[in-house]
Full PDB file with SEQRES, HELIX, SHEET, SSBOND, CRYST1, ORIGX, SCALE, CONECT and MASTER records, all heavy atoms in Angstrom:
SEQRES   1 A   33  ALA GLY ALA ARG ASP THR ALA ALA ILE GLN MET LYS LEU          
SEQRES   2 A   33  ASP GLU LEU ILE ARG ALA ALA GLU ASN ALA ASP ASP LEU          
SEQRES   3 A   33  LEU VAL GLY ILE GLU GLU ARG                                  
HELIX    1 AA1 GLY A    2  ALA A   19  1                                  18    
HELIX    2 AA2 ASP A   25  LEU A   27  5                                   3    
HELIX    3 AA3 ILE A   30  GLU A   32  5                                   3    
CRYST1    1.000    1.000    1.000  90.00  90.00  90.00 P 1           1          
ORIGX1      1.000000  0.000000  0.000000        0.00000                         
ORIGX2      0.000000  1.000000  0.000000        0.00000                         
ORIGX3      0.000000  0.000000  1.000000        0.00000                         
SCALE1      1.000000  0.000000  0.000000        0.00000                         
SCALE2      0.000000  1.000000  0.000000        0.00000                         
SCALE3      0.000000  0.000000  1.000000        0.00000                         
ATOM      1  N   ALA A   1       0.833  -1.207   0.000  1.00  0.00           N  
ATOM      2  CA  ALA A   1       0.000   0.000   0.000  1.00  0.00           C  
ATOM      3  C   ALA A   1       0.869   1.260   0.000  1.00  0.00           C  
ATOM      4  O   ALA A   1       0.580   2.223  -0.706  1.00  0.00           O  
ATOM      5  CB  ALA A   1      -0.937   0.003   1.205  1.00  0.00           C  
ATOM      6  N   GLY A   2       1.954   1.244   0.768  1.00  0.00           N  
ATOM      7  CA  GLY A   2       2.857   2.387   0.805  1.00  0.00           C  
ATOM      8  C   GLY A   2       3.549   2.620  -0.526  1.00  0.00           C  
ATOM      9  O   GLY A   2       3.695   3.758  -0.976  1.00  0.00           O  
ATOM     10  N   ALA A   3       3.972   1.534  -1.174  1.00  0.00           N  
ATOM     11  CA  ALA A   3       4.626   1.658  -2.479  1.00  0.00           C  
ATOM     12  C   ALA A   3       3.656   2.223  -3.513  1.00  0.00           C  
ATOM     13  O   ALA A   3       4.033   3.058  -4.340  1.00  0.00           O  
ATOM     14  CB  ALA A   3       5.162   0.304  -2.931  1.00  0.00           C  
ATOM     15  N   ARG A   4       2.415   1.794  -3.454  1.00  0.00           N  
ATOM     16  CA  ARG A   4       1.401   2.303  -4.391  1.00  0.00           C  
ATOM     17  C   ARG A   4       1.161   3.789  -4.165  1.00  0.00           C  
ATOM     18  O   ARG A   4       1.105   4.579  -5.109  1.00  0.00           O  
ATOM     19  CB  ARG A   4       0.104   1.526  -4.200  1.00  0.00           C  
ATOM     20  CG  ARG A   4      -1.031   2.006  -5.069  1.00  0.00           C  
ATOM     21  CD  ARG A   4      -2.287   1.183  -4.779  1.00  0.00           C  
ATOM     22  NE  ARG A   4      -3.423   1.725  -5.470  1.00  0.00           N  
ATOM     23  CZ  ARG A   4      -4.310   2.565  -4.927  1.00  0.00           C  
ATOM     24  NH1 ARG A   4      -4.187   2.943  -3.678  1.00  0.00           N  
ATOM     25  NH2 ARG A   4      -5.324   3.010  -5.622  1.00  0.00           N  
ATOM     26  N   ASP A   5       1.031   4.173  -2.897  1.00  0.00           N  
ATOM     27  CA  ASP A   5       0.812   5.584  -2.585  1.00  0.00           C  
ATOM     28  C   ASP A   5       2.008   6.430  -3.017  1.00  0.00           C  
ATOM     29  O   ASP A   5       1.840   7.521  -3.564  1.00  0.00           O  
ATOM     30  CB  ASP A   5       0.563   5.772  -1.089  1.00  0.00           C  
ATOM     31  CG  ASP A   5      -0.785   5.239  -0.652  1.00  0.00           C  
ATOM     32  OD1 ASP A   5      -1.637   4.980  -1.534  1.00  0.00           O  
ATOM     33  OD2 ASP A   5      -0.991   5.073   0.563  1.00  0.00           O  
ATOM     34  N   THR A   6       3.214   5.938  -2.768  1.00  0.00           N  
ATOM     35  CA  THR A   6       4.412   6.668  -3.154  1.00  0.00           C  
ATOM     36  C   THR A   6       4.493   6.829  -4.666  1.00  0.00           C  
ATOM     37  O   THR A   6       4.833   7.909  -5.169  1.00  0.00           O  
ATOM     38  CB  THR A   6       5.668   5.953  -2.626  1.00  0.00           C  
ATOM     39  OG1 THR A   6       5.586   5.879  -1.199  1.00  0.00           O  
ATOM     40  CG2 THR A   6       6.931   6.680  -3.025  1.00  0.00           C  
ATOM     41  N   ALA A   7       4.174   5.775  -5.406  1.00  0.00           N  
ATOM     42  CA  ALA A   7       4.197   5.857  -6.871  1.00  0.00           C  
ATOM     43  C   ALA A   7       3.180   6.882  -7.372  1.00  0.00           C  
ATOM     44  O   ALA A   7       3.472   7.654  -8.293  1.00  0.00           O  
ATOM     45  CB  ALA A   7       3.916   4.487  -7.473  1.00  0.00           C  
ATOM     46  N   ALA A   8       2.003   6.909  -6.775  1.00  0.00           N  
ATOM     47  CA  ALA A   8       0.979   7.875  -7.182  1.00  0.00           C  
ATOM     48  C   ALA A   8       1.441   9.301  -6.901  1.00  0.00           C  
ATOM     49  O   ALA A   8       1.256  10.200  -7.729  1.00  0.00           O  
ATOM     50  CB  ALA A   8      -0.334   7.586  -6.459  1.00  0.00           C  
ATOM     51  N   ILE A   9       2.056   9.526  -5.751  1.00  0.00           N  
ATOM     52  CA  ILE A   9       2.555  10.862  -5.416  1.00  0.00           C  
ATOM     53  C   ILE A   9       3.653  11.279  -6.395  1.00  0.00           C  
ATOM     54  O   ILE A   9       3.682  12.423  -6.856  1.00  0.00           O  
ATOM     55  CB  ILE A   9       3.063  10.900  -3.959  1.00  0.00           C  
ATOM     56  CG1 ILE A   9       1.881  10.800  -2.991  1.00  0.00           C  
ATOM     57  CG2 ILE A   9       3.873  12.168  -3.689  1.00  0.00           C  
ATOM     58  CD1 ILE A   9       2.276  10.580  -1.554  1.00  0.00           C  
ATOM     59  N   GLN A  10       4.547  10.339  -6.730  1.00  0.00           N  
ATOM     60  CA  GLN A  10       5.622  10.660  -7.673  1.00  0.00           C  
ATOM     61  C   GLN A  10       5.058  11.025  -9.041  1.00  0.00           C  
ATOM     62  O   GLN A  10       5.554  11.944  -9.693  1.00  0.00           O  
ATOM     63  CB  GLN A  10       6.598   9.488  -7.797  1.00  0.00           C  
ATOM     64  CG  GLN A  10       7.461   9.282  -6.594  1.00  0.00           C  
ATOM     65  CD  GLN A  10       8.317  10.487  -6.283  1.00  0.00           C  
ATOM     66  OE1 GLN A  10       8.790  11.200  -7.165  1.00  0.00           O  
ATOM     67  NE2 GLN A  10       8.510  10.751  -5.001  1.00  0.00           N  
ATOM     68  N   MET A  11       4.034  10.322  -9.481  1.00  0.00           N  
ATOM     69  CA  MET A  11       3.426  10.636 -10.771  1.00  0.00           C  
ATOM     70  C   MET A  11       2.806  12.026 -10.745  1.00  0.00           C  
ATOM     71  O   MET A  11       2.925  12.792 -11.711  1.00  0.00           O  
ATOM     72  CB  MET A  11       2.390   9.580 -11.148  1.00  0.00           C  
ATOM     73  CG  MET A  11       3.024   8.256 -11.511  1.00  0.00           C  
ATOM     74  SD  MET A  11       1.939   6.857 -11.873  1.00  0.00           S  
ATOM     75  CE  MET A  11       0.330   7.479 -12.024  1.00  0.00           C  
ATOM     76  N   LYS A  12       2.149  12.378  -9.660  1.00  0.00           N  
ATOM     77  CA  LYS A  12       1.550  13.710  -9.542  1.00  0.00           C  
ATOM     78  C   LYS A  12       2.634  14.790  -9.532  1.00  0.00           C  
ATOM     79  O   LYS A  12       2.487  15.833 -10.182  1.00  0.00           O  
ATOM     80  CB  LYS A  12       0.712  13.797  -8.264  1.00  0.00           C  
ATOM     81  CG  LYS A  12      -0.550  12.953  -8.317  1.00  0.00           C  
ATOM     82  CD  LYS A  12      -1.264  12.993  -6.987  1.00  0.00           C  
ATOM     83  CE  LYS A  12      -2.466  12.076  -6.988  1.00  0.00           C  
ATOM     84  NZ  LYS A  12      -3.159  12.095  -5.691  1.00  0.00           N  
ATOM     85  N   LEU A  13       3.716  14.552  -8.803  1.00  0.00           N  
ATOM     86  CA  LEU A  13       4.798  15.523  -8.761  1.00  0.00           C  
ATOM     87  C   LEU A  13       5.450  15.683 -10.132  1.00  0.00           C  
ATOM     88  O   LEU A  13       5.776  16.804 -10.549  1.00  0.00           O  
ATOM     89  CB  LEU A  13       5.842  15.110  -7.725  1.00  0.00           C  
ATOM     90  CG  LEU A  13       5.414  15.236  -6.262  1.00  0.00           C  
ATOM     91  CD1 LEU A  13       6.465  14.624  -5.354  1.00  0.00           C  
ATOM     92  CD2 LEU A  13       5.159  16.673  -5.894  1.00  0.00           C  
ATOM     93  N   ASP A  14       5.641  14.572 -10.838  1.00  0.00           N  
ATOM     94  CA  ASP A  14       6.204  14.645 -12.191  1.00  0.00           C  
ATOM     95  C   ASP A  14       5.313  15.479 -13.101  1.00  0.00           C  
ATOM     96  O   ASP A  14       5.800  16.287 -13.900  1.00  0.00           O  
ATOM     97  CB  ASP A  14       6.394  13.248 -12.782  1.00  0.00           C  
ATOM     98  CG  ASP A  14       7.555  12.490 -12.150  1.00  0.00           C  
ATOM     99  OD1 ASP A  14       8.340  13.111 -11.412  1.00  0.00           O  
ATOM    100  OD2 ASP A  14       7.664  11.274 -12.406  1.00  0.00           O  
ATOM    101  N   GLU A  15       4.010  15.313 -12.971  1.00  0.00           N  
ATOM    102  CA  GLU A  15       3.078  16.084 -13.796  1.00  0.00           C  
ATOM    103  C   GLU A  15       3.154  17.573 -13.451  1.00  0.00           C  
ATOM    104  O   GLU A  15       3.113  18.427 -14.340  1.00  0.00           O  
ATOM    105  CB  GLU A  15       1.655  15.567 -13.606  1.00  0.00           C  
ATOM    106  CG  GLU A  15       0.638  16.215 -14.505  1.00  0.00           C  
ATOM    107  CD  GLU A  15       0.891  15.984 -15.992  1.00  0.00           C  
ATOM    108  OE1 GLU A  15       1.539  14.979 -16.344  1.00  0.00           O  
ATOM    109  OE2 GLU A  15       0.447  16.822 -16.796  1.00  0.00           O  
ATOM    110  N   LEU A  16       3.291  17.894 -12.186  1.00  0.00           N  
ATOM    111  CA  LEU A  16       3.437  19.296 -11.784  1.00  0.00           C  
ATOM    112  C   LEU A  16       4.736  19.892 -12.330  1.00  0.00           C  
ATOM    113  O   LEU A  16       4.761  21.043 -12.757  1.00  0.00           O  
ATOM    114  CB  LEU A  16       3.401  19.425 -10.262  1.00  0.00           C  
ATOM    115  CG  LEU A  16       2.037  19.208  -9.610  1.00  0.00           C  
ATOM    116  CD1 LEU A  16       2.184  19.183  -8.094  1.00  0.00           C  
ATOM    117  CD2 LEU A  16       1.072  20.285 -10.041  1.00  0.00           C  
ATOM    118  N   ILE A  17       5.811  19.126 -12.321  1.00  0.00           N  
ATOM    119  CA  ILE A  17       7.080  19.606 -12.864  1.00  0.00           C  
ATOM    120  C   ILE A  17       6.942  19.876 -14.358  1.00  0.00           C  
ATOM    121  O   ILE A  17       7.401  20.895 -14.869  1.00  0.00           O  
ATOM    122  CB  ILE A  17       8.217  18.595 -12.590  1.00  0.00           C  
ATOM    123  CG1 ILE A  17       8.524  18.538 -11.089  1.00  0.00           C  
ATOM    124  CG2 ILE A  17       9.468  18.959 -13.380  1.00  0.00           C  
ATOM    125  CD1 ILE A  17       9.431  17.391 -10.691  1.00  0.00           C  
ATOM    126  N   ARG A  18       6.287  18.955 -15.078  1.00  0.00           N  
ATOM    127  CA  ARG A  18       6.093  19.144 -16.514  1.00  0.00           C  
ATOM    128  C   ARG A  18       5.228  20.370 -16.806  1.00  0.00           C  
ATOM    129  O   ARG A  18       5.420  21.051 -17.809  1.00  0.00           O  
ATOM    130  CB  ARG A  18       5.435  17.902 -17.124  1.00  0.00           C  
ATOM    131  CG  ARG A  18       6.365  16.737 -17.283  1.00  0.00           C  
ATOM    132  CD  ARG A  18       5.673  15.604 -18.050  1.00  0.00           C  
ATOM    133  NE  ARG A  18       6.363  14.359 -17.828  1.00  0.00           N  
ATOM    134  CZ  ARG A  18       5.988  13.413 -16.963  1.00  0.00           C  
ATOM    135  NH1 ARG A  18       4.895  13.554 -16.262  1.00  0.00           N  
ATOM    136  NH2 ARG A  18       6.699  12.321 -16.823  1.00  0.00           N  
ATOM    137  N   ALA A  19       4.276  20.664 -15.933  1.00  0.00           N  
ATOM    138  CA  ALA A  19       3.344  21.770 -16.161  1.00  0.00           C  
ATOM    139  C   ALA A  19       3.969  23.127 -15.841  1.00  0.00           C  
ATOM    140  O   ALA A  19       3.557  24.135 -16.411  1.00  0.00           O  
ATOM    141  CB  ALA A  19       2.083  21.574 -15.323  1.00  0.00           C  
ATOM    142  N   ALA A  20       4.952  23.153 -14.951  1.00  0.00           N  
ATOM    143  CA  ALA A  20       5.575  24.421 -14.571  1.00  0.00           C  
ATOM    144  C   ALA A  20       6.490  24.900 -15.696  1.00  0.00           C  
ATOM    145  O   ALA A  20       7.270  24.127 -16.250  1.00  0.00           O  
ATOM    146  CB  ALA A  20       6.359  24.253 -13.276  1.00  0.00           C  
ATOM    147  N   GLU A  21       6.393  26.172 -16.021  1.00  0.00           N  
ATOM    148  CA  GLU A  21       7.148  26.721 -17.151  1.00  0.00           C  
ATOM    149  C   GLU A  21       8.655  26.708 -16.925  1.00  0.00           C  
ATOM    150  O   GLU A  21       9.417  26.344 -17.804  1.00  0.00           O  
ATOM    151  CB  GLU A  21       6.687  28.149 -17.433  1.00  0.00           C  
ATOM    152  CG  GLU A  21       5.340  28.223 -18.103  1.00  0.00           C  
ATOM    153  CD  GLU A  21       4.969  29.650 -18.432  1.00  0.00           C  
ATOM    154  OE1 GLU A  21       5.871  30.470 -18.662  1.00  0.00           O  
ATOM    155  OE2 GLU A  21       3.771  29.932 -18.455  1.00  0.00           O  
ATOM    156  N   ASN A  22       9.108  27.119 -15.766  1.00  0.00           N  
ATOM    157  CA  ASN A  22      10.543  27.244 -15.511  1.00  0.00           C  
ATOM    158  C   ASN A  22      11.133  26.040 -14.790  1.00  0.00           C  
ATOM    159  O   ASN A  22      12.239  26.118 -14.275  1.00  0.00           O  
ATOM    160  CB  ASN A  22      10.819  28.516 -14.698  1.00  0.00           C  
ATOM    161  CG  ASN A  22      10.443  29.758 -15.464  1.00  0.00           C  
ATOM    162  OD1 ASN A  22      10.559  29.788 -16.682  1.00  0.00           O  
ATOM    163  ND2 ASN A  22       9.980  30.765 -14.751  1.00  0.00           N  
ATOM    164  N   ALA A  23      10.406  24.947 -14.725  1.00  0.00           N  
ATOM    165  CA  ALA A  23      10.889  23.773 -13.999  1.00  0.00           C  
ATOM    166  C   ALA A  23      11.974  23.063 -14.786  1.00  0.00           C  
ATOM    167  O   ALA A  23      12.009  23.084 -16.012  1.00  0.00           O  
ATOM    168  CB  ALA A  23       9.733  22.820 -13.729  1.00  0.00           C  
ATOM    169  N   ASP A  24      12.866  22.420 -14.060  1.00  0.00           N  
ATOM    170  CA  ASP A  24      13.956  21.662 -14.664  1.00  0.00           C  
ATOM    171  C   ASP A  24      13.465  20.234 -14.905  1.00  0.00           C  
ATOM    172  O   ASP A  24      13.129  19.520 -13.963  1.00  0.00           O  
ATOM    173  CB  ASP A  24      15.156  21.663 -13.714  1.00  0.00           C  
ATOM    174  CG  ASP A  24      16.398  21.066 -14.327  1.00  0.00           C  
ATOM    175  OD1 ASP A  24      16.312  20.504 -15.441  1.00  0.00           O  
ATOM    176  OD2 ASP A  24      17.457  21.159 -13.691  1.00  0.00           O  
ATOM    177  N   ASP A  25      13.421  19.825 -16.171  1.00  0.00           N  
ATOM    178  CA  ASP A  25      12.953  18.469 -16.501  1.00  0.00           C  
ATOM    179  C   ASP A  25      13.854  17.380 -15.952  1.00  0.00           C  
ATOM    180  O   ASP A  25      13.483  16.208 -15.940  1.00  0.00           O  
ATOM    181  CB  ASP A  25      12.818  18.306 -18.018  1.00  0.00           C  
ATOM    182  CG  ASP A  25      11.622  19.057 -18.572  1.00  0.00           C  
ATOM    183  OD1 ASP A  25      10.754  19.420 -17.760  1.00  0.00           O  
ATOM    184  OD2 ASP A  25      11.559  19.261 -19.796  1.00  0.00           O  
ATOM    185  N   LEU A  26      15.040  17.745 -15.481  1.00  0.00           N  
ATOM    186  CA  LEU A  26      15.950  16.774 -14.874  1.00  0.00           C  
ATOM    187  C   LEU A  26      15.301  16.115 -13.653  1.00  0.00           C  
ATOM    188  O   LEU A  26      15.611  14.984 -13.317  1.00  0.00           O  
ATOM    189  CB  LEU A  26      17.248  17.486 -14.465  1.00  0.00           C  
ATOM    190  CG  LEU A  26      18.289  16.675 -13.708  1.00  0.00           C  
ATOM    191  CD1 LEU A  26      18.898  15.628 -14.648  1.00  0.00           C  
ATOM    192  CD2 LEU A  26      19.362  17.566 -13.148  1.00  0.00           C  
ATOM    193  N   LEU A  27      14.373  16.818 -13.025  1.00  0.00           N  
ATOM    194  CA  LEU A  27      13.752  16.305 -11.802  1.00  0.00           C  
ATOM    195  C   LEU A  27      12.634  15.299 -12.069  1.00  0.00           C  
ATOM    196  O   LEU A  27      12.221  14.585 -11.163  1.00  0.00           O  
ATOM    197  CB  LEU A  27      13.223  17.459 -10.961  1.00  0.00           C  
ATOM    198  CG  LEU A  27      14.283  18.453 -10.476  1.00  0.00           C  
ATOM    199  CD1 LEU A  27      13.623  19.590  -9.719  1.00  0.00           C  
ATOM    200  CD2 LEU A  27      15.317  17.760  -9.637  1.00  0.00           C  
ATOM    201  N   VAL A  28      12.149  15.222 -13.294  1.00  0.00           N  
ATOM    202  CA  VAL A  28      11.101  14.251 -13.610  1.00  0.00           C  
ATOM    203  C   VAL A  28      11.712  12.847 -13.537  1.00  0.00           C  
ATOM    204  O   VAL A  28      12.723  12.566 -14.158  1.00  0.00           O  
ATOM    205  CB  VAL A  28      10.502  14.505 -15.010  1.00  0.00           C  
ATOM    206  CG1 VAL A  28       9.551  13.385 -15.390  1.00  0.00           C  
ATOM    207  CG2 VAL A  28       9.793  15.843 -15.048  1.00  0.00           C  
ATOM    208  N   GLY A  29      11.105  11.984 -12.761  1.00  0.00           N  
ATOM    209  CA  GLY A  29      11.585  10.610 -12.619  1.00  0.00           C  
ATOM    210  C   GLY A  29      12.833  10.484 -11.772  1.00  0.00           C  
ATOM    211  O   GLY A  29      13.528   9.477 -11.816  1.00  0.00           O  
ATOM    212  N   ILE A  30      13.113  11.486 -10.953  1.00  0.00           N  
ATOM    213  CA  ILE A  30      14.345  11.491 -10.155  1.00  0.00           C  
ATOM    214  C   ILE A  30      14.378  10.358  -9.132  1.00  0.00           C  
ATOM    215  O   ILE A  30      15.438   9.924  -8.710  1.00  0.00           O  
ATOM    216  CB  ILE A  30      14.536  12.868  -9.477  1.00  0.00           C  
ATOM    217  CG1 ILE A  30      15.981  13.027  -9.018  1.00  0.00           C  
ATOM    218  CG2 ILE A  30      13.548  13.056  -8.351  1.00  0.00           C  
ATOM    219  CD1 ILE A  30      16.319  14.430  -8.581  1.00  0.00           C  
ATOM    220  N   GLU A  31      13.205   9.843  -8.750  1.00  0.00           N  
ATOM    221  CA  GLU A  31      13.155   8.775  -7.750  1.00  0.00           C  
ATOM    222  C   GLU A  31      13.807   7.487  -8.252  1.00  0.00           C  
ATOM    223  O   GLU A  31      14.134   6.598  -7.465  1.00  0.00           O  
ATOM    224  CB  GLU A  31      11.712   8.503  -7.309  1.00  0.00           C  
ATOM    225  CG  GLU A  31      10.823   7.900  -8.365  1.00  0.00           C  
ATOM    226  CD  GLU A  31      10.238   8.913  -9.327  1.00  0.00           C  
ATOM    227  OE1 GLU A  31      10.520  10.117  -9.235  1.00  0.00           O  
ATOM    228  OE2 GLU A  31       9.470   8.473 -10.189  1.00  0.00           O  
ATOM    229  N   GLU A  32      14.033   7.395  -9.553  1.00  0.00           N  
ATOM    230  CA  GLU A  32      14.658   6.201 -10.136  1.00  0.00           C  
ATOM    231  C   GLU A  32      16.186   6.289 -10.138  1.00  0.00           C  
ATOM    232  O   GLU A  32      16.859   5.330 -10.479  1.00  0.00           O  
ATOM    233  CB  GLU A  32      14.173   6.005 -11.579  1.00  0.00           C  
ATOM    234  CG  GLU A  32      12.668   5.878 -11.716  1.00  0.00           C  
ATOM    235  CD  GLU A  32      12.118   4.618 -11.068  1.00  0.00           C  
ATOM    236  OE1 GLU A  32      12.837   3.596 -11.045  1.00  0.00           O  
ATOM    237  OE2 GLU A  32      10.980   4.674 -10.570  1.00  0.00           O  
ATOM    238  N   ARG A  33      16.728   7.426  -9.758  1.00  0.00           N  
ATOM    239  CA  ARG A  33      18.184   7.631  -9.791  1.00  0.00           C  
ATOM    240  C   ARG A  33      18.865   6.965  -8.607  1.00  0.00           C  
ATOM    241  O   ARG A  33      18.255   6.694  -7.579  1.00  0.00           O  
ATOM    242  CB  ARG A  33      18.509   9.134  -9.771  1.00  0.00           C  
ATOM    243  CG  ARG A  33      17.834   9.943 -10.817  1.00  0.00           C  
ATOM    244  CD  ARG A  33      18.626   9.942 -12.092  1.00  0.00           C  
ATOM    245  NE  ARG A  33      17.963  10.757 -13.098  1.00  0.00           N  
ATOM    246  CZ  ARG A  33      18.554  11.717 -13.757  1.00  0.00           C  
ATOM    247  NH1 ARG A  33      19.801  12.005 -13.538  1.00  0.00           N  
ATOM    248  NH2 ARG A  33      17.878  12.390 -14.658  1.00  0.00           N  
TER     249      ARG A  33                                                      
MASTER        0    0    0    3    0    0    0    6  248    1    0    3          
END                                                                             
């Protein structure tokens, strides 16, 4: 359940990063690093 919740939060954060104009795309998917 925790892994599922964490994955959902990461997806939402990635979407917010993509939507922000001045955001650094380097941060999208950073949890996999």
